[in-house]
Amino acid sequence: MSNKFKHELEKIEIPKELHNRVKIGVEKAKAETSAADGYHELGKIKKSWYTRKITYICAAVVLFFGLFIGSAFVSPVMAKMVSKLPYLGQLFESEPITSEIVEELEEMDYPIMGVGVSYQGKKEIWIRIEGSQDYVDGIKEDVEKSVHDILGSRNYDAYTIKVSRYEPIENKEMPEVSERDKAEKRSLK
């Protein structure tokens, strides 16, 4: 604004009541715009209260979850209950995979003679079944499917399943031990 115009505005008399109303209106407008931006005192108080409330709720949830999981490691009853929950159940699997496979296959009346797990080179589960080779070949697919289902229920997907016929070790005659080997064995005792 030019000085002349400003000077002319100052000369105009405004009634005191109108001047006070204008001041109140300007202050109210400033308060509304600053509250919309989150800078008003009342806005800060509400924002801070909500932040604290959310923080307390999150802390309570984390504490509850920690106590829940911690109690499952201490109490067998809680561990059994937690093991039934998806994803958490993998933490508390108490029965070895081989035991579960043997139980399942014995329920299906298969003559299981051994189940083993190998981690050398690649992950393998091998199953030895008693009977003729024709019998083993006949049930091989069913056994592999059952074992695959058990592995899938535990999210074990990197295993190779090998089903074979159980061949008992025959009582072969032991080769004679030489005198030198006998003497060496006695010296080790």
Protein backbone atom coordinates (compact mmCIF):
# COMPACT_ATOMS: atom_id res chain seq x y z
CA MET A 1 0.00 0.00 0.00
CA SER A 2 1.10 3.52 -0.59
CA ASN A 3 1.79 5.85 2.34
CA LYS A 4 -0.95 8.24 1.34
CA PHE A 5 -3.57 5.52 1.25
CA LYS A 6 -2.37 4.08 4.58
CA HIS A 7 -2.51 7.54 6.15
CA GLU A 8 -6.08 8.04 4.91
CA LEU A 9 -7.16 4.69 6.40
CA GLU A 10 -5.77 5.60 9.79
CA LYS A 11 -7.84 8.81 9.80
CA ILE A 12 -11.10 6.88 9.52
CA GLU A 13 -12.64 6.39 12.93
CA ILE A 14 -13.93 2.93 13.72
CA PRO A 15 -16.24 2.41 16.69
CA LYS A 16 -14.53 0.53 19.54
CA GLU A 17 -17.09 -2.28 19.58
CA LEU A 18 -16.60 -2.96 15.88
CA HIS A 19 -12.82 -2.84 16.34
CA ASN A 20 -13.04 -5.49 19.11
CA ARG A 21 -15.25 -7.71 16.96
CA VAL A 22 -12.77 -7.52 14.09
CA LYS A 23 -9.90 -8.47 16.45
CA ILE A 24 -11.89 -11.44 17.80
CA GLY A 25 -12.76 -12.55 14.25
CA VAL A 26 -9.12 -12.37 13.15
CA GLU A 27 -7.95 -14.33 16.22
CA LYS A 28 -10.66 -16.95 15.65
CA ALA A 29 -9.63 -17.33 12.00
CA LYS A 30 -5.98 -17.70 13.02
CA ALA A 31 -6.95 -20.34 15.62
CA GLU A 32 -8.97 -22.33 13.08
CA THR A 33 -6.23 -22.35 10.46
CA SER A 34 -3.54 -23.29 12.97
CA ALA A 35 -5.78 -26.02 14.46
CA ALA A 36 -6.26 -27.44 10.97
CA ASP A 37 -2.48 -27.58 10.64
CA GLY A 38 -2.17 -29.29 14.07
CA TYR A 39 -0.51 -26.32 15.76
CA HIS A 40 -3.32 -25.24 18.03
CA GLU A 41 -2.84 -25.95 21.72
CA LEU A 42 -6.00 -28.03 21.91
CA GLY A 43 -4.96 -29.94 18.77
CA LYS A 44 -1.57 -30.70 20.33
CA ILE A 45 -3.21 -32.04 23.47
CA LYS A 46 -5.56 -34.32 21.52
CA LYS A 47 -2.80 -35.51 19.21
CA SER A 48 -0.50 -36.27 22.12
CA TRP A 49 -3.27 -38.12 23.99
CA TYR A 50 -4.02 -40.32 20.96
CA THR A 51 -0.33 -41.04 20.44
CA ARG A 52 0.10 -42.09 24.07
CA LYS A 53 -3.02 -44.23 23.95
CA ILE A 54 -1.85 -46.05 20.81
CA THR A 55 1.62 -46.51 22.33
CA TYR A 56 0.15 -48.03 25.51
CA ILE A 57 -2.10 -50.37 23.54
CA CYS A 58 0.78 -51.55 21.34
CA ALA A 59 2.99 -52.10 24.39
CA ALA A 60 0.23 -54.11 26.08
CA VAL A 61 -0.25 -56.29 23.00
CA VAL A 62 3.49 -56.97 22.72
CA LEU A 63 3.69 -57.77 26.44
CA PHE A 64 0.68 -60.11 26.25
CA PHE A 65 2.10 -61.90 23.19
CA GLY A 66 5.49 -62.27 24.91
CA LEU A 67 3.91 -63.74 28.03
CA PHE A 68 1.75 -66.05 25.93
CA ILE A 69 4.71 -67.45 24.00
CA GLY A 70 6.93 -67.54 27.09
CA SER A 71 4.37 -69.53 29.07
CA ALA A 72 4.18 -72.04 26.22
CA PHE A 73 7.89 -72.78 26.65
CA VAL A 74 7.37 -73.40 30.38
CA SER A 75 4.04 -75.22 30.50
CA PRO A 76 3.44 -78.40 28.46
CA VAL A 77 -0.31 -77.69 28.45
CA MET A 78 0.23 -74.22 26.98
CA ALA A 79 2.74 -75.63 24.48
CA LYS A 80 0.17 -78.15 23.29
CA MET A 81 -2.45 -75.41 22.93
CA VAL A 82 -0.09 -73.03 21.09
CA SER A 83 1.14 -75.82 18.80
CA LYS A 84 -2.38 -76.00 17.33
CA LEU A 85 -2.20 -72.37 16.15
CA PRO A 86 -1.04 -71.81 12.57
CA TYR A 87 2.60 -70.71 12.20
CA LEU A 88 3.18 -70.77 15.97
CA GLY A 89 2.74 -74.53 15.96
CA GLN A 90 6.05 -74.92 14.17
CA LEU A 91 7.84 -73.50 17.21
CA PHE A 92 6.40 -76.12 19.53
CA GLU A 93 6.44 -79.33 17.52
CA SER A 94 7.44 -81.81 20.17
CA GLU A 95 7.13 -85.09 18.30
CA PRO A 96 9.96 -85.93 15.90
CA ILE A 97 8.95 -86.21 12.27
CA THR A 98 10.07 -89.85 12.12
CA SER A 99 7.73 -90.79 14.98
CA GLU A 100 4.80 -89.14 13.28
CA ILE A 101 5.58 -90.98 10.03
CA VAL A 102 5.85 -94.35 11.80
CA GLU A 103 2.54 -93.80 13.64
CA GLU A 104 0.73 -92.80 10.45
CA LEU A 105 2.06 -95.73 8.42
CA GLU A 106 1.37 -98.24 11.19
CA GLU A 107 -2.23 -96.98 11.34
CA MET A 108 -2.41 -97.88 7.65
CA ASP A 109 -1.18 -101.43 8.57
CA TYR A 110 2.09 -101.23 6.69
CA PRO A 111 4.89 -103.38 8.17
CA ILE A 112 7.39 -100.57 8.82
CA MET A 113 10.82 -101.76 9.88
CA GLY A 114 12.57 -98.40 9.96
CA VAL A 115 12.31 -94.70 9.21
CA GLY A 116 15.29 -92.39 9.04
CA VAL A 117 16.29 -88.88 8.08
CA SER A 118 19.50 -87.94 6.34
CA TYR A 119 20.82 -84.40 5.92
CA GLN A 120 24.06 -85.23 4.13
CA GLY A 121 24.19 -83.77 0.65
CA LYS A 122 20.43 -83.44 0.32
CA LYS A 123 17.55 -83.94 2.71
CA GLU A 124 16.16 -87.46 2.51
CA ILE A 125 13.64 -89.49 4.42
CA TRP A 126 13.99 -93.21 3.90
CA ILE A 127 11.42 -95.84 4.85
CA ARG A 128 12.14 -99.57 5.06
CA ILE A 129 9.16 -101.92 4.66
CA GLU A 130 9.11 -105.64 5.41
CA GLY A 131 7.83 -107.93 2.68
CA SER A 132 8.53 -109.06 -0.82
CA GLN A 133 9.78 -106.66 -3.46
CA ASP A 134 6.44 -106.90 -5.30
CA TYR A 135 4.56 -105.94 -2.11
CA VAL A 136 6.86 -102.96 -1.49
CA ASP A 137 6.52 -101.82 -5.11
CA GLY A 138 2.72 -102.07 -4.80
CA ILE A 139 2.43 -99.80 -1.74
CA LYS A 140 5.32 -97.47 -2.55
CA GLU A 141 3.14 -94.70 -4.05
CA ASP A 142 0.67 -94.77 -1.12
CA VAL A 143 3.50 -94.58 1.40
CA GLU A 144 5.19 -91.71 -0.45
CA LYS A 145 1.89 -89.81 -0.63
CA SER A 146 1.22 -90.28 3.10
CA VAL A 147 4.73 -89.14 4.03
CA HIS A 148 4.47 -86.20 1.63
CA ASP A 149 1.20 -85.14 3.33
CA ILE A 150 2.83 -85.31 6.79
CA LEU A 151 5.77 -83.23 5.58
CA GLY A 152 3.39 -80.73 3.99
CA SER A 153 1.46 -80.31 7.25
CA ARG A 154 4.71 -79.20 8.88
CA ASN A 155 5.82 -77.10 5.91
CA TYR A 156 8.82 -79.36 5.26
CA ASP A 157 9.08 -79.26 1.50
CA ALA A 158 12.74 -79.90 0.68
CA TYR A 159 12.85 -83.65 1.40
CA THR A 160 13.23 -86.56 -0.98
CA ILE A 161 11.26 -89.65 0.07
CA LYS A 162 12.83 -93.07 -0.54
CA VAL A 163 10.81 -96.23 0.09
CA SER A 164 12.62 -99.56 -0.09
CA ARG A 165 12.41 -103.17 1.03
CA TYR A 166 13.84 -104.08 4.42
CA GLU A 167 16.60 -106.62 4.06
CA PRO A 168 17.65 -108.17 7.36
CA ILE A 169 21.32 -108.65 8.05
CA GLU A 170 22.03 -112.32 7.96
CA ASN A 171 24.20 -113.86 10.63
CA LYS A 172 27.35 -114.26 8.64
CA GLU A 173 30.41 -115.84 10.08
CA MET A 174 32.85 -113.30 11.30
CA PRO A 175 36.25 -113.48 9.67
CA GLU A 176 38.97 -114.69 11.94
CA VAL A 177 40.98 -112.02 13.63
CA SER A 178 44.70 -112.34 13.20
CA GLU A 179 47.01 -112.61 16.18
CA ARG A 180 48.47 -109.24 15.35
CA ASP A 181 45.01 -107.58 15.47
CA LYS A 182 44.25 -109.31 18.80
CA ALA A 183 47.52 -108.03 20.28
CA GLU A 184 46.85 -104.51 19.02
CA LYS A 185 43.35 -104.58 20.55
CA ARG A 186 44.74 -105.71 23.92
CA SER A 187 47.31 -102.91 23.89
CA LEU A 188 44.57 -100.33 23.43
CA LYS A 189 42.78 -101.48 26.58
